[in-house]
Amino acid sequence: MIEIAGLPAHILLVHAVVVLAPIAGLGAIVYAVAPRWRNYLAWPLGVLSLGLVPVSLLTAQAGEQLQNARPSSALIREHVEQGDVLKAVSVVFFVVIAATLVVSYEPIGRWFAFLGPLRSNRAVRLALLVIAAAAGAVFVYQSIVTGHSGSASVWTT
C-alpha cells in the first residue's frame, strides 16, 4: 500500500481531487460562457485539466490498495464504482478541454495551424464550448458524488 508519512496515500491525495476537480469544472464553464475571461483562464485550465488526469488515476490506485488492505463494505464498493467513473470523467474532461483550447484560444491554436478550416468554423467552436461547459458540470458533479460516497464510507457506522 502506498503511504505518505505513515498514512495511506489515498487519504491525502483525495484532497487534491476534491478541491481541484470542481475548480477545473467551474473554470471550464466560465471559459465557455465568458469570452472576456478566456485569455486569463486558458493556460490554468489546460494545465489543471492535464494535471488532474494523473492525480485522479494515482488517487484511485492508492484507493484500490487501501480497499485491499481493509475490510470492504457496500459503501466502500459504491465509492470504488464512483471513483472509477471519476477516473474516466477526468480523462474525457482533459480531452474536451484540450480540443476546446486548440479551437478557441489563438496562442495554442497557432501550434495546430494544420487544423485551420476546423479552427475557423464557428459552429465547431461553439459546439466545443458547449461540450466544455457540460464536461465541466459533469466533472464538478462527479467529484462531489465520489467525495460524498467516500466520506460516507468512512463516517457512516
Protein backbone atom coordinates (compact mmCIF):
# COMPACT_ATOMS: atom_id res chain seq x y z
CA MET A 1 0.00 0.00 0.00
CA ILE A 2 1.29 3.45 -0.91
CA GLU A 3 1.88 5.52 2.23
CA ILE A 4 2.89 9.11 2.84
CA ALA A 5 4.28 9.85 6.32
CA GLY A 6 2.65 6.67 7.58
CA LEU A 7 -0.81 7.49 6.25
CA PRO A 8 -2.45 5.74 3.33
CA ALA A 9 -1.76 7.90 0.26
CA HIS A 10 -5.41 7.82 -0.80
CA ILE A 11 -6.42 9.79 2.28
CA LEU A 12 -4.03 12.60 1.33
CA LEU A 13 -4.32 12.51 -2.48
CA VAL A 14 -8.09 12.59 -2.43
CA HIS A 15 -7.98 16.17 -1.20
CA ALA A 16 -6.28 17.31 -4.39
CA VAL A 17 -9.05 15.79 -6.50
CA VAL A 18 -11.86 17.01 -4.24
CA VAL A 19 -10.55 20.59 -4.37
CA LEU A 20 -9.10 20.86 -7.89
CA ALA A 21 -11.75 19.00 -9.91
CA PRO A 22 -14.60 21.39 -9.02
CA ILE A 23 -12.29 24.37 -9.64
CA ALA A 24 -11.40 22.97 -13.08
CA GLY A 25 -15.04 22.21 -13.85
CA LEU A 26 -16.17 25.69 -12.87
CA GLY A 27 -13.25 27.13 -14.84
CA ALA A 28 -14.45 25.28 -17.94
CA ILE A 29 -17.95 26.64 -17.51
CA VAL A 30 -16.68 30.21 -17.09
CA TYR A 31 -14.33 29.76 -20.07
CA ALA A 32 -17.26 28.67 -22.22
CA VAL A 33 -19.72 31.39 -21.23
CA ALA A 34 -17.47 34.42 -20.61
CA PRO A 35 -15.33 35.24 -23.66
CA ARG A 36 -13.59 38.11 -21.85
CA TRP A 37 -12.13 35.65 -19.31
CA ARG A 38 -10.73 33.20 -21.85
CA ASN A 39 -7.30 34.83 -22.04
CA TYR A 40 -6.96 34.52 -18.27
CA LEU A 41 -8.36 31.01 -17.96
CA ALA A 42 -6.89 29.18 -20.96
CA TRP A 43 -3.48 28.20 -19.57
CA PRO A 44 -4.57 27.49 -15.98
CA LEU A 45 -7.50 25.44 -17.25
CA GLY A 46 -5.31 23.47 -19.65
CA VAL A 47 -2.65 22.76 -17.04
CA LEU A 48 -5.22 21.90 -14.37
CA SER A 49 -7.15 19.54 -16.65
CA LEU A 50 -3.92 17.81 -17.67
CA GLY A 51 -2.67 17.56 -14.09
CA LEU A 52 -5.92 16.10 -12.80
CA VAL A 53 -5.61 13.02 -15.02
CA PRO A 54 -2.56 11.51 -13.28
CA VAL A 55 -3.72 12.75 -9.87
CA SER A 56 -7.11 11.07 -10.34
CA LEU A 57 -5.52 7.85 -11.55
CA LEU A 58 -2.96 7.80 -8.73
CA THR A 59 -5.64 8.55 -6.14
CA ALA A 60 -7.77 5.70 -7.47
CA GLN A 61 -4.80 3.33 -7.46
CA ALA A 62 -4.00 4.25 -3.86
CA GLY A 63 -7.68 3.79 -3.00
CA GLU A 64 -7.73 0.31 -4.53
CA GLN A 65 -4.69 -0.62 -2.47
CA LEU A 66 -6.38 0.75 0.65
CA GLN A 67 -9.52 -1.23 -0.18
CA ASN A 68 -7.49 -4.44 -0.48
CA ALA A 69 -5.84 -3.79 2.90
CA ARG A 70 -9.09 -3.11 4.80
CA PRO A 71 -12.41 -4.90 5.20
CA SER A 72 -14.82 -3.98 2.41
CA SER A 73 -18.43 -2.85 2.73
CA ALA A 74 -21.26 -1.89 0.42
CA LEU A 75 -20.44 1.80 0.95
CA ILE A 76 -16.80 1.24 0.02
CA ARG A 77 -17.78 -0.70 -3.10
CA GLU A 78 -20.11 2.16 -4.08
CA HIS A 79 -17.25 4.61 -3.58
CA VAL A 80 -14.97 2.45 -5.74
CA GLU A 81 -17.58 2.49 -8.52
CA GLN A 82 -17.92 6.27 -8.27
CA GLY A 83 -14.13 6.58 -8.31
CA ASP A 84 -13.95 4.53 -11.49
CA VAL A 85 -16.44 6.88 -13.12
CA LEU A 86 -14.42 9.89 -11.91
CA LYS A 87 -11.25 8.47 -13.48
CA ALA A 88 -12.99 8.24 -16.85
CA VAL A 89 -14.55 11.68 -16.45
CA SER A 90 -11.14 13.23 -15.71
CA VAL A 91 -9.69 11.78 -18.93
CA VAL A 92 -12.69 12.85 -21.03
CA PHE A 93 -12.60 16.29 -19.40
CA PHE A 94 -8.95 16.74 -20.38
CA VAL A 95 -9.59 15.68 -23.99
CA VAL A 96 -12.56 18.07 -24.29
CA ILE A 97 -10.63 20.96 -22.75
CA ALA A 98 -7.61 20.31 -24.97
CA ALA A 99 -9.81 20.29 -28.09
CA THR A 100 -11.64 23.41 -26.95
CA LEU A 101 -8.40 25.30 -26.32
CA VAL A 102 -6.96 24.28 -29.68
CA VAL A 103 -10.04 25.58 -31.48
CA SER A 104 -10.91 28.64 -29.39
CA TYR A 105 -7.66 30.04 -27.96
CA GLU A 106 -5.41 31.59 -30.59
CA PRO A 107 -1.98 31.25 -28.90
CA ILE A 108 -2.47 27.49 -28.52
CA GLY A 109 -4.29 27.19 -31.83
CA ARG A 110 -1.25 28.54 -33.71
CA TRP A 111 0.58 25.33 -32.90
CA PHE A 112 -2.15 23.49 -34.77
CA ALA A 113 -2.26 25.59 -37.92
CA PHE A 114 -2.94 22.47 -39.99
CA LEU A 115 -6.43 22.47 -38.41
CA GLY A 116 -7.15 25.88 -39.97
CA PRO A 117 -10.53 25.08 -41.55
CA LEU A 118 -11.69 23.33 -38.40
CA ARG A 119 -10.47 26.14 -36.16
CA SER A 120 -12.13 28.82 -38.28
CA ASN A 121 -15.51 27.08 -38.27
CA ARG A 122 -17.76 28.97 -35.85
CA ALA A 123 -20.15 26.04 -35.41
CA VAL A 124 -17.29 23.75 -34.33
CA ARG A 125 -16.01 26.35 -31.90
CA LEU A 126 -19.47 26.90 -30.42
CA ALA A 127 -20.14 23.16 -30.16
CA LEU A 128 -16.85 22.61 -28.34
CA LEU A 129 -17.56 25.45 -25.93
CA VAL A 130 -20.96 23.93 -25.11
CA ILE A 131 -19.39 20.49 -24.68
CA ALA A 132 -16.67 22.00 -22.47
CA ALA A 133 -19.26 23.63 -20.23
CA ALA A 134 -21.19 20.37 -20.00
CA ALA A 135 -17.99 18.43 -19.27
CA GLY A 136 -17.16 20.95 -16.55
CA ALA A 137 -20.58 20.48 -14.95
CA VAL A 138 -20.22 16.68 -15.09
CA PHE A 139 -16.72 16.91 -13.59
CA VAL A 140 -17.99 19.04 -10.69
CA TYR A 141 -20.95 16.72 -10.12
CA GLN A 142 -18.92 13.51 -10.28
CA SER A 143 -16.22 14.82 -7.96
CA ILE A 144 -18.87 15.78 -5.40
CA VAL A 145 -20.68 12.44 -5.68
CA THR A 146 -17.42 10.49 -5.43
CA GLY A 147 -16.19 12.55 -2.49
CA HIS A 148 -19.51 12.18 -0.71
CA SER A 149 -19.59 8.43 -1.18
CA GLY A 150 -16.03 8.23 0.16
CA SER A 151 -16.80 10.27 3.24
CA ALA A 152 -20.00 8.27 3.80
CA SER A 153 -17.98 5.05 3.64
CA VAL A 154 -15.67 6.36 6.37
CA TRP A 155 -18.05 8.21 8.65
CA THR A 156 -21.25 6.14 8.40
CA THR A 157 -21.34 3.41 11.01
